[in-house]
C-alpha atoms as a PDB file:
ATOM      1  CA  MET A   1      -0.681 -12.345  21.341  1.00  0.00           C
ATOM      2  CA  ILE A   2       1.256  -9.127  20.715  1.00  0.00           C
ATOM      3  CA  PHE A   3      -2.003  -7.149  20.449  1.00  0.00           C
ATOM      4  CA  LYS A   4      -3.106  -8.547  23.799  1.00  0.00           C
ATOM      5  CA  MET A   5       0.024  -7.158  25.443  1.00  0.00           C
ATOM      6  CA  PHE A   6       0.244  -3.835  23.556  1.00  0.00           C
ATOM      7  CA  SER A   7      -2.226  -1.587  21.790  1.00  0.00           C
ATOM      8  CA  GLN A   8      -2.341  -1.582  17.995  1.00  0.00           C
ATOM      9  CA  GLU A   9      -1.022   1.997  17.991  1.00  0.00           C
ATOM     10  CA  THR A  10       2.020   0.969  20.006  1.00  0.00           C
ATOM     11  CA  VAL A  11       2.787  -2.020  17.779  1.00  0.00           C
ATOM     12  CA  MET A  12       2.396   0.033  14.564  1.00  0.00           C
ATOM     13  CA  LYS A  13       5.150   2.405  15.722  1.00  0.00           C
ATOM     14  CA  PHE A  14       7.613  -0.462  15.223  1.00  0.00           C
ATOM     15  CA  VAL A  15       6.270  -1.715  11.870  1.00  0.00           C
ATOM     16  CA  PRO A  16       8.080  -0.328   8.804  1.00  0.00           C
ATOM     17  CA  ARG A  17       6.029   2.101   6.690  1.00  0.00           C
ATOM     18  CA  TYR A  18       7.132   0.307   3.496  1.00  0.00           C
ATOM     19  CA  SER A  19       4.449   0.013   0.814  1.00  0.00           C
ATOM     20  CA  LEU A  20       4.530  -2.372  -2.139  1.00  0.00           C
ATOM     21  CA  VAL A  21       2.073  -2.905  -5.002  1.00  0.00           C
ATOM     22  CA  LEU A  22       2.476  -5.837  -7.397  1.00  0.00           C
ATOM     23  CA  GLU A  23       0.780  -6.121 -10.762  1.00  0.00           C
ATOM     24  CA  VAL A  24       0.207  -9.665 -11.973  1.00  0.00           C
ATOM     25  CA  SER A  25      -1.429 -10.991 -15.125  1.00  0.00           C
ATOM     26  CA  ASP A  26      -4.607 -13.067 -15.172  1.00  0.00           C
ATOM     27  CA  SER A  27      -2.419 -16.172 -15.146  1.00  0.00           C
ATOM     28  CA  GLY A  28      -0.515 -14.905 -12.096  1.00  0.00           C
ATOM     29  CA  ALA A  29       2.688 -13.907 -13.907  1.00  0.00           C
ATOM     30  CA  PHE A  30       4.576 -10.894 -12.580  1.00  0.00           C
ATOM     31  CA  ARG A  31       4.200  -7.680 -14.632  1.00  0.00           C
ATOM     32  CA  ARG A  32       5.597  -4.842 -12.490  1.00  0.00           C
ATOM     33  CA  SER A  33       6.048  -3.618  -8.957  1.00  0.00           C
ATOM     34  CA  LEU A  34       5.804  -0.216  -7.319  1.00  0.00           C
ATOM     35  CA  HIS A  35       7.716   0.463  -4.105  1.00  0.00           C
ATOM     36  CA  ASP A  36       7.411   3.216  -1.512  1.00  0.00           C
ATOM     37  CA  PRO A  37      10.124   2.245   0.995  1.00  0.00           C
ATOM     38  CA  ASP A  38       9.561   5.195   3.317  1.00  0.00           C
ATOM     39  CA  GLY A  39       5.779   5.508   3.060  1.00  0.00           C
ATOM     40  CA  GLN A  40       6.062   8.977   1.505  1.00  0.00           C
ATOM     41  CA  VAL A  41       3.051   8.552  -0.834  1.00  0.00           C
ATOM     42  CA  VAL A  42       0.834   6.178   1.121  1.00  0.00           C
ATOM     43  CA  THR A  43       1.533   3.738   3.939  1.00  0.00           C
ATOM     44  CA  TYR A  44       0.257   0.241   4.623  1.00  0.00           C
ATOM     45  CA  VAL A  45      -1.348  -0.281   1.186  1.00  0.00           C
ATOM     46  CA  SER A  46      -3.992  -2.991   1.353  1.00  0.00           C
ATOM     47  CA  GLU A  47      -5.886  -2.388  -1.910  1.00  0.00           C
ATOM     48  CA  ALA A  48      -4.999  -1.088  -5.372  1.00  0.00           C
ATOM     49  CA  HIS A  49      -7.184  -0.424  -8.410  1.00  0.00           C
ATOM     50  CA  GLU A  50      -6.132   0.920 -11.825  1.00  0.00           C
ATOM     51  CA  HIS A  51      -8.664   3.093 -13.680  1.00  0.00           C
ATOM     52  CA  ASP A  52      -8.335   5.650 -16.506  1.00  0.00           C
ATOM     53  CA  GLY A  53      -4.597   6.202 -16.119  1.00  0.00           C
ATOM     54  CA  TYR A  54      -4.640   6.434 -12.336  1.00  0.00           C
ATOM     55  CA  LEU A  55      -3.812   3.996  -9.586  1.00  0.00           C
ATOM     56  CA  TYR A  56      -6.105   4.237  -6.570  1.00  0.00           C
ATOM     57  CA  LEU A  57      -4.518   2.981  -3.362  1.00  0.00           C
ATOM     58  CA  GLY A  58      -6.350   2.160  -0.170  1.00  0.00           C
ATOM     59  CA  SER A  59      -5.014   1.444   3.277  1.00  0.00           C
ATOM     60  CA  PHE A  60      -6.542  -0.150   6.339  1.00  0.00           C
ATOM     61  CA  ARG A  61      -4.821   2.585   8.376  1.00  0.00           C
ATOM     62  CA  SER A  62      -5.973   5.669   6.443  1.00  0.00           C
ATOM     63  CA  PRO A  63      -9.454   7.233   6.216  1.00  0.00           C
ATOM     64  CA  PHE A  64      -8.828   8.231   2.569  1.00  0.00           C
ATOM     65  CA  ILE A  65      -7.667   6.813  -0.761  1.00  0.00           C
ATOM     66  CA  CYS A  66      -4.603   7.899  -2.706  1.00  0.00           C
ATOM     67  CA  ARG A  67      -4.881   8.719  -6.431  1.00  0.00           C
ATOM     68  CA  LEU A  68      -1.574   8.347  -8.233  1.00  0.00           C
ATOM     69  CA  SER A  69      -1.109   9.246 -11.912  1.00  0.00           C
ATOM     70  CA  LEU A  70       0.510   6.325 -13.719  1.00  0.00           C
ATOM     71  CA  GLN A  71       2.165   8.792 -16.112  1.00  0.00           C
ATOM     72  CA  SER A  72       4.145  10.278 -13.215  1.00  0.00           C
ATOM     73  CA  ILE A  73       5.799   6.979 -12.279  1.00  0.00           C
END
C-alpha cells in the first residue's frame, strides 16, 4: 500500500542503509555475522557468495557487485 501512495525512491529515503550478512552452517547453525550499519561498503545487501578468499555482495538497488577481501575484515 505504501508503494501505491509514494514512489519507491521516496520510500527508500526513509529506510535505513544498514546491511547485514549472516553465515550459517549446512544445519542452519549461526557461524558469524558482518554488519555495515551506515551502508559505507554496500547498501541493501540481498545476496552474498564466498569464493577464493573474497565475499561477493549483491544488492537489488545497485547495478554492480561488491568484492570484499575476507582477510581485511
